[in-house]
Protein backbone atom coordinates (compact mmCIF):
# COMPACT_ATOMS: atom_id res chain seq x y z
CA MET A 1 63.95 118.99 100.91
CA THR A 2 67.13 118.16 102.84
CA SER A 3 68.57 114.72 102.11
CA PRO A 4 69.35 112.35 105.03
CA LEU A 5 73.04 112.68 104.22
CA GLU A 6 73.05 116.45 104.56
CA SER A 7 71.23 116.31 107.91
CA LEU A 8 74.19 114.48 109.49
CA PRO A 9 77.00 116.29 111.37
CA VAL A 10 79.65 117.63 109.01
CA GLU A 11 82.35 115.41 110.52
CA LEU A 12 80.30 112.29 109.74
CA VAL A 13 79.49 113.57 106.24
CA ALA A 14 83.22 114.09 105.59
CA ASP A 15 83.95 110.59 106.88
CA ILE A 16 81.39 109.10 104.49
CA LEU A 17 82.73 111.13 101.55
CA GLY A 18 86.21 109.83 102.33
CA GLU A 19 85.07 106.30 101.44
CA LEU A 20 84.25 107.32 97.86
CA ASP A 21 86.60 107.09 94.90
CA ILE A 22 87.90 110.35 93.47
CA ALA A 23 85.50 110.50 90.52
CA SER A 24 82.47 109.96 92.76
CA LEU A 25 83.69 112.53 95.26
CA VAL A 26 84.08 115.09 92.47
CA THR A 27 80.46 114.48 91.47
CA VAL A 28 79.08 114.57 95.03
CA SER A 29 80.95 117.77 95.87
CA TYR A 30 78.84 119.61 93.27
CA LEU A 31 75.42 118.25 94.32
CA SER A 32 74.64 120.95 96.88
CA ARG A 33 76.12 123.96 98.62
CA ARG A 34 76.51 122.06 101.90
CA LEU A 35 78.30 119.12 100.32
CA ARG A 36 80.53 121.53 98.42
CA ALA A 37 81.34 123.32 101.66
CA VAL A 38 82.18 120.05 103.42
CA ALA A 39 84.34 118.85 100.52
CA SER A 40 86.30 122.09 100.30
CA GLU A 41 86.85 122.57 104.05
CA PRO A 42 90.58 122.01 104.79
CA SER A 43 89.97 120.91 108.39
CA LEU A 44 87.63 118.12 107.20
CA ASN A 45 89.43 117.26 103.94
CA PRO A 46 87.49 114.17 102.73
CA TRP A 47 89.80 114.03 99.69
CA ARG A 48 92.82 112.80 101.64
CA ARG A 49 91.78 109.15 102.00
CA PRO A 50 90.84 108.48 98.34
CA ILE A 51 93.97 110.31 97.19
CA LEU A 52 96.20 108.27 99.51
CA ARG A 53 94.52 105.04 98.38
CA ASN A 54 95.75 105.88 94.89
CA LEU A 55 99.22 107.07 95.86
CA LEU A 56 99.87 104.08 98.13
CA ASP A 57 98.57 101.47 95.69
CA PRO A 58 101.28 98.76 95.41
CA ASP A 59 100.82 98.58 91.63
CA GLU A 60 100.81 102.39 91.32
CA VAL A 61 97.65 102.36 89.21
CA TYR A 62 95.89 105.71 89.59
CA GLU A 63 92.27 106.63 88.90
CA PRO A 64 91.77 108.69 85.71
CA ALA A 65 90.06 111.41 87.77
CA LEU A 66 93.34 112.14 89.59
CA ARG A 67 95.00 113.38 86.42
CA HIS A 68 93.17 116.71 86.22
CA LEU A 69 92.19 117.12 89.84
CA SER A 70 94.02 120.44 90.05
CA VAL A 71 91.18 122.16 88.14
CA ARG A 72 88.72 121.35 90.97
CA GLN A 73 88.38 124.24 93.37
CA THR A 74 86.85 122.01 96.04
CA VAL A 75 90.17 120.19 96.67
CA PRO A 76 92.08 121.71 99.66
CA ARG A 77 95.61 122.75 98.75
CA GLN A 78 97.36 120.64 101.39
CA ASN A 79 96.51 117.52 99.36
CA TRP A 80 98.91 118.61 96.65
CA VAL A 81 101.90 118.40 98.95
CA GLU A 82 101.14 114.69 99.44
CA ILE A 83 100.43 114.10 95.75
CA LEU A 84 103.71 115.70 94.68
CA THR A 85 105.61 113.90 97.46
CA LEU A 86 104.24 110.39 96.83
CA GLY A 87 103.22 110.38 93.16
CA LYS A 88 105.05 108.48 90.41
CA ALA A 89 107.69 110.66 88.75
CA GLU A 90 106.58 109.93 85.18
CA TYR A 91 102.94 110.53 86.10
CA LEU A 92 103.68 113.94 87.62
CA LEU A 93 105.99 114.93 84.77
CA PHE A 94 104.08 113.74 81.72
CA GLU A 95 100.44 113.04 82.59
CA MET A 96 99.16 115.15 85.46
CA THR A 97 97.95 118.73 85.29
CA LEU A 98 100.05 120.39 87.99
CA PRO A 99 98.45 122.80 90.45
CA ASN A 100 99.23 126.44 91.06
CA LEU A 101 101.03 126.42 94.39
CA LYS A 102 102.80 129.06 96.41
CA GLU A 103 106.59 129.10 96.49
CA THR A 104 106.58 127.94 100.12
CA GLU A 105 104.40 124.96 99.17
CA TRP A 106 106.76 123.93 96.39
CA GLU A 107 109.64 124.21 98.87
CA GLU A 108 107.73 121.91 101.24
CA CYS A 109 107.22 119.40 98.42
CA PHE A 110 110.94 119.50 97.64
CA GLY A 111 111.91 118.94 101.28
CA ARG A 112 109.48 116.04 101.76
CA ARG A 113 110.41 114.19 98.56
CA PHE A 114 114.16 114.68 98.11
CA LEU A 115 117.28 114.30 100.23
CA PRO A 116 118.37 117.62 101.82
CA GLY A 117 121.74 117.52 100.05
CA TRP A 118 119.97 117.85 96.71
CA THR A 119 119.10 121.48 97.40
CA LYS A 120 122.47 122.27 95.78
CA TRP A 121 120.76 121.77 92.41
CA LYS A 122 118.31 124.62 93.04
CA LYS A 123 120.80 127.46 92.60
CA GLU A 124 118.79 130.36 91.14
CA GLY A 125 115.16 130.07 90.18
CA SER A 126 111.94 128.96 91.83
CA TRP A 127 111.33 125.93 94.02
CA LYS A 128 108.85 124.67 91.43
CA ALA A 129 111.52 124.70 88.74
CA ALA A 130 113.98 122.97 91.09
CA PHE A 131 111.42 120.32 92.04
CA LEU A 132 110.58 119.46 88.43
CA LYS A 133 114.24 119.56 87.40
CA ILE A 134 115.32 117.06 90.07
CA LEU A 135 112.27 114.88 89.43
CA HIS A 136 113.10 114.67 85.73
CA ARG A 137 116.74 113.88 86.49
CA LEU A 138 115.73 111.06 88.83
CA TRP A 139 113.29 109.63 86.30
CA HIS A 140 115.88 109.84 83.51
CA ARG A 141 118.67 108.22 85.54
CA SER A 142 116.43 105.45 86.87
CA HIS A 143 115.47 104.52 83.30
CA SER A 144 118.92 104.77 81.70
CA SER A 145 122.64 104.54 82.43
CA CYS A 146 123.21 108.23 81.73
CA THR A 147 125.37 110.04 84.30
CA ALA A 148 125.76 113.39 82.53
CA ASP A 149 123.94 115.28 85.30
CA GLU A 150 126.23 114.00 88.07
CA ALA A 151 129.75 112.99 87.10
CA TRP A 152 130.80 112.09 90.67
CA THR A 153 128.80 110.11 93.21
CA HIS A 154 129.42 110.82 96.90
CA TYR A 155 129.19 108.21 99.63
CA ILE A 156 130.05 108.07 103.34
CA VAL A 157 132.24 105.63 105.24
CA LEU A 158 131.80 105.17 109.00
CA ASN A 159 135.14 104.23 110.53
CA ARG A 160 135.53 102.05 113.60
CA ASN A 161 137.40 104.82 115.46
CA GLY A 162 134.29 107.02 115.47
CA SER A 163 135.24 109.23 112.52
CA ALA A 164 133.58 109.36 109.09
CA ASN A 165 134.76 110.21 105.57
CA LEU A 166 132.77 111.74 102.71
CA LEU A 167 134.25 110.21 99.54
CA ASP A 168 133.36 110.10 95.87
CA GLY A 169 133.71 107.90 92.82
CA SER A 170 133.11 108.31 89.11
CA SER A 171 129.39 107.92 88.46
CA ARG A 172 130.04 106.12 85.18
CA ASN A 173 131.53 103.04 86.89
CA TYR A 174 130.42 103.57 90.49
CA ASN A 175 129.96 100.20 92.20
CA PRO A 176 129.63 100.14 96.01
CA LEU A 177 130.47 96.41 96.19
CA THR A 178 133.77 96.96 94.38
CA ILE A 179 134.62 100.00 96.48
CA PHE A 180 133.81 98.20 99.71
CA HIS A 181 135.93 95.21 98.67
CA GLU A 182 138.89 97.58 98.40
CA ILE A 183 138.06 98.94 101.85
CA LYS A 184 138.01 95.38 103.22
CA LEU A 185 141.42 94.67 101.68
CA GLN A 186 142.85 97.75 103.40
CA ASN A 187 141.42 96.58 106.74
CA ASN A 188 142.43 92.91 106.44
CA LEU A 189 138.77 91.85 106.16
CA ALA A 190 138.74 90.55 102.58
CA HIS A 191 138.15 86.96 103.76
CA LEU A 192 134.82 87.93 105.34
CA MET A 193 131.50 88.22 103.55
CA THR A 194 130.02 91.62 102.71
CA HIS A 195 126.54 92.18 104.13
CA ALA A 196 124.12 94.83 102.87
CA ARG A 197 121.22 96.26 104.84
CA LEU A 198 118.35 98.44 103.67
CA VAL A 199 118.27 101.33 106.14
CA VAL A 200 115.36 103.41 104.89
CA GLU A 201 113.46 103.81 101.62
CA PHE A 202 112.05 106.99 100.12
CA LYS A 203 109.99 107.48 96.96
CA ASP A 204 112.92 107.78 94.55
CA VAL A 205 115.92 106.51 96.50
CA ARG A 206 116.85 104.05 99.22
CA ILE A 207 119.73 104.19 101.67
CA ILE A 208 121.89 101.06 101.84
CA ALA A 209 124.67 100.20 104.28
CA LEU A 210 127.47 97.74 103.44
CA GLY A 211 129.55 96.20 106.22
CA VAL A 212 131.12 93.08 107.69
CA LEU A 213 129.45 90.93 110.32
CA THR A 214 131.49 88.58 112.47
CA LYS A 215 132.22 87.51 116.03
CA PRO A 216 135.20 89.72 116.88
CA ARG A 217 138.04 88.57 119.07
CA SER A 218 138.89 92.12 120.11
CA ALA A 219 136.84 95.19 120.99
CA PHE A 220 139.15 97.32 118.84
CA SER A 221 137.66 96.01 115.60
CA VAL A 222 134.01 96.66 116.53
CA ASN A 223 132.36 99.60 114.75
CA HIS A 224 129.98 101.03 117.33
CA ASN A 225 128.66 103.75 115.01
CA ALA A 226 127.73 101.11 112.44
CA ARG A 227 125.48 99.43 114.98
CA LEU A 228 124.04 102.74 116.16
CA PHE A 229 123.32 103.77 112.57
CA LEU A 230 121.15 100.69 112.00
CA HIS A 231 119.77 100.43 115.54
CA PRO A 232 119.08 103.82 117.16
CA PRO A 233 119.76 103.62 120.92
CA GLY A 234 116.61 102.90 122.88
CA ILE A 235 114.60 101.69 119.87
CA THR A 236 113.86 98.01 119.54
CA LYS A 237 112.13 95.89 116.94
CA GLY A 238 109.37 95.06 119.40
CA GLU A 239 107.34 91.90 119.33
CA GLU A 240 105.56 92.30 116.00
CA GLU A 241 107.57 89.47 114.40
CA GLU A 242 109.42 86.41 115.57
CA PRO A 243 113.22 86.75 115.85
CA ALA A 244 115.06 85.65 112.75
CA SER A 245 117.13 82.49 112.97
CA SER A 246 120.91 82.77 112.97
CA GLU A 247 122.48 82.89 109.53
CA SER A 248 124.85 80.09 108.67
CA ALA A 249 128.52 81.00 108.84
CA SER A 250 130.74 80.67 105.82
CA ASP A 251 133.94 78.67 105.92
CA GLY A 252 137.29 80.40 105.92
CA SER A 253 136.27 83.31 108.14
CA ASP A 254 136.05 84.22 111.78
CA GLU A 255 132.31 83.54 111.50
CA SER A 256 132.96 79.80 111.16
CA PHE A 257 134.96 79.59 114.37
CA GLN A 258 133.39 78.28 117.53
CA SER A 259 132.78 80.88 120.20
CA GLY A 260 135.45 80.71 122.88
CA PRO A 261 136.02 82.59 126.10
CA ASP A 262 137.92 85.29 124.20
CA VAL A 263 134.98 86.06 121.90
CA LEU A 264 133.16 89.20 122.93
CA PRO A 265 129.49 88.84 123.91
CA VAL A 266 126.97 90.88 121.98
CA PRO A 267 126.13 93.93 124.06
CA VAL A 268 122.49 94.62 124.77
CA ARG A 269 121.30 97.76 123.01
CA ASN A 270 121.64 100.92 125.05
CA ALA A 271 118.36 101.92 126.62
CA TYR A 272 117.22 105.41 127.51
CA VAL A 273 115.27 106.04 130.65
CA GLY A 274 111.76 106.86 129.51
CA ASP A 275 109.85 106.49 126.27
CA PRO A 276 111.93 106.61 123.03
CA LYS A 277 109.05 108.56 121.46
CA ASP A 278 110.06 111.46 123.72
CA ILE A 279 113.52 111.43 122.12
CA TYR A 280 112.93 110.45 118.48
CA ARG A 281 110.45 111.75 115.93
CA GLU A 282 109.23 109.97 112.83
CA LEU A 283 111.14 111.26 109.81
CA SER A 284 109.14 113.58 107.57
CA HIS A 285 111.78 115.53 105.59
CA PRO A 286 112.32 113.55 103.47
CA LEU A 287 109.23 111.38 103.89
CA PRO A 288 109.93 107.60 104.00
CA SER A 289 107.93 105.23 101.84
CA ARG A 290 105.13 103.15 103.30
CA SER A 291 107.46 100.21 104.05
CA HIS A 292 109.47 102.46 106.41
CA ALA A 293 106.71 104.86 107.42
CA ARG A 294 107.65 104.84 111.13
CA TYR A 295 111.40 105.33 110.64
CA PRO A 296 113.55 105.60 112.77
CA PHE A 297 111.14 103.36 114.72
CA TYR A 298 110.55 99.83 113.49
CA THR A 299 107.88 99.54 110.77
CA PRO A 300 105.99 96.20 110.75
CA GLY A 301 105.27 94.54 107.43
CA GLY A 302 108.44 92.64 106.58
CA GLU A 303 110.46 95.24 104.62
CA ASP A 304 112.21 96.96 107.54
CA LYS A 305 115.27 94.68 107.67
CA ARG A 306 117.41 96.68 110.10
CA TRP A 307 116.67 94.12 112.82
CA LEU A 308 117.35 90.47 111.99
CA GLY A 309 116.52 88.87 115.31
CA THR A 310 116.47 90.76 118.59
CA ASP A 311 118.95 91.62 121.35
CA GLU A 312 121.52 88.82 121.85
CA LEU A 313 120.14 86.88 118.86
CA GLU A 314 120.45 89.88 116.58
CA GLU A 315 122.40 89.11 113.40
CA GLY A 316 123.15 85.64 114.77
CA GLY A 317 125.06 87.07 117.69
CA ARG A 318 127.60 88.82 115.44
CA GLN A 319 128.76 92.44 115.40
CA TRP A 320 129.67 94.98 112.73
CA VAL A 321 133.44 95.25 112.45
CA GLY A 322 135.66 97.53 110.38
CA PRO A 323 134.31 100.36 108.20
CA MET A 324 130.70 100.63 106.99
CA LEU A 325 129.87 102.20 103.61
CA ILE A 326 126.61 104.13 103.23
CA THR A 327 125.24 104.93 99.78
CA ALA A 328 122.02 106.11 98.10
CA GLN A 329 120.56 103.82 95.42
CA LEU A 330 118.04 105.16 92.90
CA ILE A 331 114.76 103.25 92.66
CA GLY A 332 113.72 102.31 89.14
CA PRO A 333 111.00 100.10 87.64
CA GLN A 334 113.05 96.90 88.19
CA THR A 335 114.84 97.73 91.42
CA LYS A 336 112.52 95.70 93.64
CA GLU A 337 112.18 92.66 91.39
CA ARG A 338 113.52 89.48 93.01
CA VAL A 339 116.72 88.09 91.53
CA GLY A 340 117.81 84.54 92.34
CA ASP A 341 117.25 82.82 95.66
CA ASP A 342 118.91 85.37 97.92
CA PRO A 343 116.93 86.61 100.95
CA PRO A 344 114.72 89.54 99.92
CA LEU A 345 115.78 93.12 100.69
CA GLN A 346 119.16 92.21 102.14
CA ASP A 347 122.68 91.38 100.99
CA LEU A 348 122.98 90.55 97.25
CA ASP A 349 119.27 91.08 96.58
CA LEU A 350 119.86 94.80 97.24
CA MET A 351 123.01 95.12 95.16
CA VAL A 352 122.97 92.72 92.20
CA GLY A 353 120.42 92.62 89.39
CA ALA A 354 118.48 94.84 87.03
CA GLY A 355 117.66 98.32 88.31
CA ARG A 356 120.33 98.26 91.01
CA SER A 357 123.22 99.99 89.25
CA GLN A 358 122.21 103.66 89.50
CA TYR A 359 123.16 105.71 92.54
CA ALA A 360 122.85 109.30 93.75
CA SER A 361 125.17 111.32 95.95
CA LEU A 362 124.85 111.10 99.74
CA THR A 363 126.10 114.10 101.75
CA TRP A 364 126.66 115.08 105.39
CA ALA A 365 123.29 116.87 105.37
CA ASP A 366 121.56 113.67 104.24
CA LEU A 367 123.24 111.60 106.95
CA ALA A 368 122.29 114.19 109.57
CA ALA A 369 118.64 113.99 108.47
CA ILE A 370 118.58 110.18 108.40
CA ALA A 371 120.57 109.53 111.60
CA PRO A 372 120.74 112.70 113.74
CA TRP A 373 121.65 110.62 116.81
CA LEU A 374 125.08 109.68 115.40
CA GLU A 375 128.09 111.43 116.94
CA PHE A 376 131.52 111.49 115.29
CA THR A 377 134.99 112.14 116.62
CA GLN A 378 135.72 113.78 113.28
CA LYS A 379 134.01 114.32 109.92
CA VAL A 380 136.48 114.36 107.03
CA THR A 381 135.61 115.43 103.50
CA GLY A 382 137.89 113.33 101.33
CA PRO A 383 140.23 110.45 102.17
CA GLY A 384 142.57 110.35 105.14
CA LEU A 385 142.33 111.13 108.82
CA GLY A 386 141.71 114.85 108.46
CA HIS A 387 144.96 115.99 110.03
């Protein structure tokens, strides 16, 4: 006798199965031939929702049934790309039974999880070996101060004249705040406060920009590419949240001066004619974390801090001046823990504290993937003007 569940349309059956936990879905998928067929059909894929509920759990506590899910033939293969892209590194490396995937599927996992510049580590061998090798390196570096795998850390500096430099520093004592302080000294900006902004976060790394905010007295000091990097032309924060109040200015800097007639007004963000969704696409390679899921568009929820205020009130009416340093910070177990009373996910909260001292290299390929809309007058590998 056919059960009431099996008499329903297959789409509705799949929707119901998607509400189960993984262990229950494993059991139900073996109750009858029809339920097995629905569970194993890639176009219906009732496994995706319970799997994502595990992978996106804020506490990263996974169901025991996920550990050996690869032995179940009823699980469509496309689910493994998401599991390997979003799963905890230590869980994938030391606890989970990994599936048998094609080489092209391992390559897709690599592209969705890691920065494109990290393909240099593949060299010879399979994409599976490269994926597991990089994953282990990331896990090891995020849990220790070891820098044996990468002696030099690359970072990028956006100059105010429209050019950019790819530079490096010794990984053993690499400190973006110290490096940027030297850059400020060279540009007569040492008296101004350093501001840090979280640009986008991925599973194992987050991109951070360091720069100087002030009310410039001359257009020559404004770094237009710095603003475009954080605020893609045509994209706005929208009306999901109230504009942030202006930050208080510190004494001894241009920020503490009263605005006069010679102070430049904040320009309104460039707007394209038409819908920005026709120009930009949500980033998928690499895949941003849930807090930045809509990147480069604004992601509601409170962790997308690229916009502090809107339009003229953005950043308290100040502009980015001088160079901007862009670096890639590894995410470890303590990276997101609050330290002190600083505003969360901005400025010192991003840079100072436990779990914030390990960094990975950032390359031209990574910058092109993260901000393909940026245009440079010149890209220089190394210091200098490139002449």
